[in-house]
Amino acid sequence: MRKALELYPNAKSYSDYRRLLESKEIDGVIIATPLNMHAQMVLNALSAGKHVFCEKAMARTLNECKSIYNAYLHTDNVLYFCMQRMYDEKYIKAMQMVHSGFNW
């Protein structure tokens, strides 16, 4: 955190993500934490009215996934789970090759 603040001294920093969720200036969050933290963080973010972009996997258990889904249904927020490599240039090129019928 200290190093990031050295690079971006005007950036706001939070030692507790829940304080960030209280900010009216923030519309959405990216959750790229260890898997065991996903469910609670996603639920808190949705509850705070934030859009959520979360790294896969959604959660550790089916019950956690159901809780997230049910919370999402009661919001107007965007909720998206992705694989970070989905946006990697090399993976995009590989998928383009597959879709164009590339023969190995």
N, C-alpha and C. Protein backbone atom coordinates (compact mmCIF):
# COMPACT_ATOMS: atom_id res chain seq x y z
N MET A 1 0.82 -1.17 0.00
CA MET A 1 0.00 0.00 0.00
C MET A 1 0.88 1.25 0.00
N ARG A 2 1.92 1.21 0.79
CA ARG A 2 2.81 2.37 0.87
C ARG A 2 3.42 2.68 -0.49
N LYS A 3 3.85 1.63 -1.18
CA LYS A 3 4.48 1.82 -2.49
C LYS A 3 3.48 2.40 -3.50
N ALA A 4 2.25 1.91 -3.45
CA ALA A 4 1.22 2.43 -4.35
C ALA A 4 0.96 3.90 -4.07
N LEU A 5 0.94 4.27 -2.80
CA LEU A 5 0.71 5.68 -2.44
C LEU A 5 1.88 6.56 -2.84
N GLU A 6 3.08 5.98 -2.89
CA GLU A 6 4.23 6.75 -3.37
C GLU A 6 4.06 7.05 -4.86
N LEU A 7 3.55 6.08 -5.60
CA LEU A 7 3.34 6.26 -7.04
C LEU A 7 2.16 7.19 -7.32
N TYR A 8 1.13 7.11 -6.49
CA TYR A 8 -0.09 7.90 -6.67
C TYR A 8 -0.44 8.60 -5.36
N PRO A 9 0.29 9.65 -5.02
CA PRO A 9 0.12 10.29 -3.71
C PRO A 9 -1.27 10.90 -3.47
N ASN A 10 -2.00 11.19 -4.53
CA ASN A 10 -3.33 11.78 -4.35
C ASN A 10 -4.45 10.73 -4.26
N ALA A 11 -4.08 9.47 -4.39
CA ALA A 11 -5.09 8.40 -4.32
C ALA A 11 -5.58 8.23 -2.89
N LYS A 12 -6.85 7.89 -2.77
CA LYS A 12 -7.39 7.59 -1.45
C LYS A 12 -7.03 6.15 -1.12
N SER A 13 -6.71 5.90 0.13
CA SER A 13 -6.41 4.53 0.54
C SER A 13 -7.30 4.17 1.72
N TYR A 14 -7.58 2.89 1.80
CA TYR A 14 -8.46 2.39 2.85
C TYR A 14 -7.81 1.15 3.47
N SER A 15 -7.79 1.08 4.77
CA SER A 15 -7.28 -0.13 5.41
C SER A 15 -8.41 -1.14 5.62
N ASP A 16 -9.64 -0.69 5.42
CA ASP A 16 -10.82 -1.56 5.54
C ASP A 16 -11.72 -1.28 4.34
N TYR A 17 -11.93 -2.29 3.51
CA TYR A 17 -12.69 -2.10 2.27
C TYR A 17 -14.11 -1.60 2.54
N ARG A 18 -14.65 -1.88 3.71
CA ARG A 18 -16.01 -1.43 4.02
C ARG A 18 -16.11 0.10 4.07
N ARG A 19 -15.02 0.76 4.42
CA ARG A 19 -15.01 2.23 4.40
C ARG A 19 -15.12 2.73 2.95
N LEU A 20 -14.45 2.05 2.05
CA LEU A 20 -14.53 2.39 0.63
C LEU A 20 -15.96 2.26 0.13
N LEU A 21 -16.66 1.21 0.57
CA LEU A 21 -18.03 0.98 0.14
C LEU A 21 -18.98 2.09 0.60
N GLU A 22 -18.60 2.80 1.64
CA GLU A 22 -19.43 3.90 2.14
C GLU A 22 -19.35 5.15 1.26
N SER A 23 -18.34 5.21 0.40
CA SER A 23 -18.12 6.40 -0.43
C SER A 23 -19.19 6.53 -1.50
N LYS A 24 -19.78 7.70 -1.58
CA LYS A 24 -20.78 8.00 -2.62
C LYS A 24 -20.10 8.28 -3.97
N GLU A 25 -18.80 8.51 -3.95
CA GLU A 25 -18.05 8.80 -5.18
C GLU A 25 -17.74 7.54 -5.98
N ILE A 26 -17.88 6.39 -5.37
CA ILE A 26 -17.50 5.13 -6.00
C ILE A 26 -18.75 4.38 -6.46
N ASP A 27 -18.80 4.09 -7.77
CA ASP A 27 -19.96 3.39 -8.34
C ASP A 27 -19.79 1.89 -8.33
N GLY A 28 -18.55 1.43 -8.45
CA GLY A 28 -18.32 0.00 -8.57
C GLY A 28 -16.97 -0.40 -8.02
N VAL A 29 -16.82 -1.70 -7.81
CA VAL A 29 -15.58 -2.23 -7.26
C VAL A 29 -15.12 -3.44 -8.05
N ILE A 30 -13.82 -3.66 -8.02
CA ILE A 30 -13.22 -4.87 -8.57
C ILE A 30 -12.75 -5.69 -7.38
N ILE A 31 -13.19 -6.93 -7.31
CA ILE A 31 -12.79 -7.80 -6.22
C ILE A 31 -11.84 -8.85 -6.78
N ALA A 32 -10.59 -8.74 -6.38
CA ALA A 32 -9.54 -9.66 -6.84
C ALA A 32 -8.75 -10.11 -5.61
N THR A 33 -9.47 -10.66 -4.68
CA THR A 33 -8.90 -11.09 -3.40
C THR A 33 -8.86 -12.61 -3.37
N PRO A 34 -8.27 -13.20 -2.33
CA PRO A 34 -8.33 -14.66 -2.21
C PRO A 34 -9.80 -15.13 -2.17
N LEU A 35 -10.03 -16.30 -2.70
CA LEU A 35 -11.38 -16.85 -2.85
C LEU A 35 -12.18 -16.84 -1.55
N ASN A 36 -11.53 -17.11 -0.44
CA ASN A 36 -12.28 -17.19 0.82
C ASN A 36 -12.89 -15.84 1.22
N MET A 37 -12.51 -14.76 0.55
CA MET A 37 -13.04 -13.43 0.88
C MET A 37 -14.12 -12.97 -0.11
N HIS A 38 -14.27 -13.66 -1.23
CA HIS A 38 -15.18 -13.20 -2.28
C HIS A 38 -16.61 -13.01 -1.81
N ALA A 39 -17.21 -14.03 -1.23
CA ALA A 39 -18.64 -13.98 -0.91
C ALA A 39 -18.98 -12.78 -0.05
N GLN A 40 -18.30 -12.61 1.05
CA GLN A 40 -18.63 -11.51 1.96
C GLN A 40 -18.40 -10.15 1.32
N MET A 41 -17.33 -10.04 0.56
CA MET A 41 -17.03 -8.76 -0.08
C MET A 41 -18.07 -8.43 -1.16
N VAL A 42 -18.46 -9.43 -1.94
CA VAL A 42 -19.48 -9.21 -2.98
C VAL A 42 -20.80 -8.83 -2.32
N LEU A 43 -21.19 -9.55 -1.29
CA LEU A 43 -22.44 -9.25 -0.59
C LEU A 43 -22.42 -7.84 0.00
N ASN A 44 -21.32 -7.47 0.60
CA ASN A 44 -21.21 -6.12 1.17
C ASN A 44 -21.28 -5.05 0.08
N ALA A 45 -20.61 -5.30 -1.04
CA ALA A 45 -20.61 -4.33 -2.13
C ALA A 45 -22.01 -4.17 -2.73
N LEU A 46 -22.69 -5.28 -2.95
CA LEU A 46 -24.06 -5.20 -3.48
C LEU A 46 -24.97 -4.47 -2.51
N SER A 47 -24.82 -4.78 -1.24
CA SER A 47 -25.63 -4.14 -0.20
C SER A 47 -25.37 -2.63 -0.16
N ALA A 48 -24.16 -2.23 -0.49
CA ALA A 48 -23.79 -0.81 -0.50
C ALA A 48 -24.19 -0.13 -1.81
N GLY A 49 -24.82 -0.88 -2.72
CA GLY A 49 -25.27 -0.29 -3.98
C GLY A 49 -24.20 -0.16 -5.04
N LYS A 50 -23.14 -0.95 -4.93
CA LYS A 50 -22.03 -0.86 -5.89
C LYS A 50 -22.18 -1.92 -6.99
N HIS A 51 -21.70 -1.58 -8.18
CA HIS A 51 -21.54 -2.56 -9.24
C HIS A 51 -20.32 -3.40 -8.87
N VAL A 52 -20.34 -4.69 -9.25
CA VAL A 52 -19.26 -5.59 -8.83
C VAL A 52 -18.69 -6.35 -10.02
N PHE A 53 -17.39 -6.29 -10.15
CA PHE A 53 -16.61 -7.08 -11.11
C PHE A 53 -15.71 -7.95 -10.24
N CYS A 54 -15.97 -9.24 -10.21
CA CYS A 54 -15.25 -10.13 -9.30
C CYS A 54 -14.50 -11.20 -10.08
N GLU A 55 -13.28 -11.42 -9.68
CA GLU A 55 -12.47 -12.49 -10.26
C GLU A 55 -13.11 -13.83 -9.91
N LYS A 56 -12.97 -14.81 -10.79
CA LYS A 56 -13.50 -16.14 -10.52
C LYS A 56 -12.71 -16.76 -9.37
N ALA A 57 -13.19 -17.67 -8.71
CA ALA A 57 -14.53 -18.23 -8.73
C ALA A 57 -15.46 -17.36 -7.89
N MET A 58 -16.74 -17.56 -8.13
CA MET A 58 -17.75 -16.75 -7.45
C MET A 58 -17.62 -16.85 -5.93
N ALA A 59 -17.52 -18.07 -5.43
CA ALA A 59 -17.43 -18.29 -3.99
C ALA A 59 -16.96 -19.72 -3.75
N ARG A 60 -16.81 -20.07 -2.48
CA ARG A 60 -16.31 -21.41 -2.14
C ARG A 60 -17.37 -22.48 -2.15
N THR A 61 -18.59 -22.12 -1.80
CA THR A 61 -19.64 -23.13 -1.66
C THR A 61 -20.87 -22.76 -2.47
N LEU A 62 -21.71 -23.76 -2.69
CA LEU A 62 -22.96 -23.52 -3.40
C LEU A 62 -23.85 -22.56 -2.60
N ASN A 63 -23.88 -22.71 -1.29
CA ASN A 63 -24.70 -21.81 -0.47
C ASN A 63 -24.22 -20.36 -0.58
N GLU A 64 -22.91 -20.15 -0.60
CA GLU A 64 -22.39 -18.79 -0.78
C GLU A 64 -22.80 -18.23 -2.15
N CYS A 65 -22.72 -19.08 -3.17
CA CYS A 65 -23.12 -18.65 -4.52
C CYS A 65 -24.60 -18.28 -4.55
N LYS A 66 -25.42 -19.09 -3.90
CA LYS A 66 -26.86 -18.79 -3.86
C LYS A 66 -27.13 -17.48 -3.12
N SER A 67 -26.40 -17.25 -2.04
CA SER A 67 -26.57 -16.00 -1.28
C SER A 67 -26.23 -14.79 -2.15
N ILE A 68 -25.14 -14.91 -2.90
CA ILE A 68 -24.74 -13.82 -3.80
C ILE A 68 -25.81 -13.60 -4.86
N TYR A 69 -26.26 -14.68 -5.48
CA TYR A 69 -27.26 -14.56 -6.54
C TYR A 69 -28.55 -13.94 -6.01
N ASN A 70 -29.00 -14.40 -4.86
CA ASN A 70 -30.23 -13.85 -4.27
C ASN A 70 -30.07 -12.37 -3.93
N ALA A 71 -28.92 -11.99 -3.42
CA ALA A 71 -28.68 -10.57 -3.11
C ALA A 71 -28.69 -9.75 -4.40
N TYR A 72 -28.06 -10.29 -5.44
CA TYR A 72 -28.02 -9.61 -6.74
C TYR A 72 -29.43 -9.37 -7.30
N LEU A 73 -30.30 -10.35 -7.14
CA LEU A 73 -31.66 -10.24 -7.68
C LEU A 73 -32.43 -9.06 -7.08
N HIS A 74 -32.01 -8.62 -5.92
CA HIS A 74 -32.70 -7.52 -5.24
C HIS A 74 -32.01 -6.17 -5.46
N THR A 75 -31.16 -6.09 -6.48
CA THR A 75 -30.47 -4.84 -6.78
C THR A 75 -30.66 -4.48 -8.25
N ASP A 76 -30.26 -3.29 -8.59
CA ASP A 76 -30.19 -2.87 -9.99
C ASP A 76 -28.73 -2.80 -10.43
N ASN A 77 -27.88 -3.47 -9.71
CA ASN A 77 -26.44 -3.40 -9.95
C ASN A 77 -26.00 -4.40 -11.01
N VAL A 78 -24.84 -4.10 -11.59
CA VAL A 78 -24.18 -5.04 -12.49
C VAL A 78 -23.31 -5.94 -11.62
N LEU A 79 -23.41 -7.24 -11.86
CA LEU A 79 -22.58 -8.22 -11.16
C LEU A 79 -21.95 -9.10 -12.22
N TYR A 80 -20.62 -9.13 -12.26
CA TYR A 80 -19.91 -9.87 -13.31
C TYR A 80 -18.75 -10.63 -12.70
N PHE A 81 -18.66 -11.90 -13.07
CA PHE A 81 -17.54 -12.74 -12.65
C PHE A 81 -16.73 -13.07 -13.88
N CYS A 82 -15.43 -12.93 -13.79
CA CYS A 82 -14.62 -13.16 -14.98
C CYS A 82 -13.33 -13.89 -14.65
N MET A 83 -12.70 -14.30 -15.71
CA MET A 83 -11.36 -14.86 -15.62
C MET A 83 -10.43 -13.78 -16.15
N GLN A 84 -9.46 -13.38 -15.36
CA GLN A 84 -8.61 -12.26 -15.75
C GLN A 84 -7.92 -12.50 -17.08
N ARG A 85 -7.62 -13.72 -17.41
CA ARG A 85 -6.94 -14.00 -18.68
C ARG A 85 -7.84 -13.75 -19.88
N MET A 86 -9.13 -13.63 -19.64
CA MET A 86 -10.08 -13.37 -20.70
C MET A 86 -9.70 -12.13 -21.51
N TYR A 87 -9.01 -11.21 -20.87
CA TYR A 87 -8.64 -9.95 -21.50
C TYR A 87 -7.16 -9.89 -21.88
N ASP A 88 -6.48 -11.01 -21.75
CA ASP A 88 -5.06 -11.10 -22.10
C ASP A 88 -4.95 -11.22 -23.62
N GLU A 89 -4.08 -10.41 -24.20
CA GLU A 89 -3.90 -10.38 -25.65
C GLU A 89 -3.66 -11.76 -26.26
N LYS A 90 -2.83 -12.56 -25.60
CA LYS A 90 -2.50 -13.89 -26.12
C LYS A 90 -3.73 -14.80 -26.13
N TYR A 91 -4.55 -14.73 -25.10
CA TYR A 91 -5.74 -15.56 -25.03
C TYR A 91 -6.77 -15.11 -26.06
N ILE A 92 -6.88 -13.82 -26.25
CA ILE A 92 -7.81 -13.30 -27.26
C ILE A 92 -7.39 -13.78 -28.64
N LYS A 93 -6.11 -13.72 -28.94
CA LYS A 93 -5.59 -14.18 -30.23
C LYS A 93 -5.87 -15.68 -30.41
N ALA A 94 -5.64 -16.46 -29.36
CA ALA A 94 -5.88 -17.90 -29.44
C ALA A 94 -7.36 -18.18 -29.72
N MET A 95 -8.26 -17.47 -29.06
CA MET A 95 -9.69 -17.67 -29.29
C MET A 95 -10.08 -17.25 -30.71
N GLN A 96 -9.48 -16.20 -31.22
CA GLN A 96 -9.75 -15.78 -32.59
C GLN A 96 -9.31 -16.87 -33.56
N MET A 97 -8.18 -17.49 -33.28
CA MET A 97 -7.68 -18.58 -34.14
C MET A 97 -8.63 -19.76 -34.10
N VAL A 98 -9.11 -20.12 -32.93
CA VAL A 98 -10.05 -21.24 -32.79
C VAL A 98 -11.33 -20.94 -33.55
N HIS A 99 -11.88 -19.75 -33.36
CA HIS A 99 -13.14 -19.39 -34.00
C HIS A 99 -13.01 -19.26 -35.52
N SER A 100 -11.81 -18.99 -36.01
CA SER A 100 -11.64 -18.88 -37.46
C SER A 100 -11.35 -20.23 -38.11
N GLY A 101 -11.34 -21.30 -37.31
CA GLY A 101 -11.15 -22.63 -37.86
C GLY A 101 -9.70 -23.03 -38.03
N PHE A 102 -8.82 -22.43 -37.29
CA PHE A 102 -7.38 -22.73 -37.36
C PHE A 102 -7.14 -24.22 -37.17
N ASN A 103 -6.37 -24.81 -38.06
CA ASN A 103 -6.00 -26.23 -37.94
C ASN A 103 -4.67 -26.36 -37.25
N TRP A 104 -4.62 -27.14 -36.23
CA TRP A 104 -3.39 -27.34 -35.47
C TRP A 104 -2.51 -28.23 -36.28
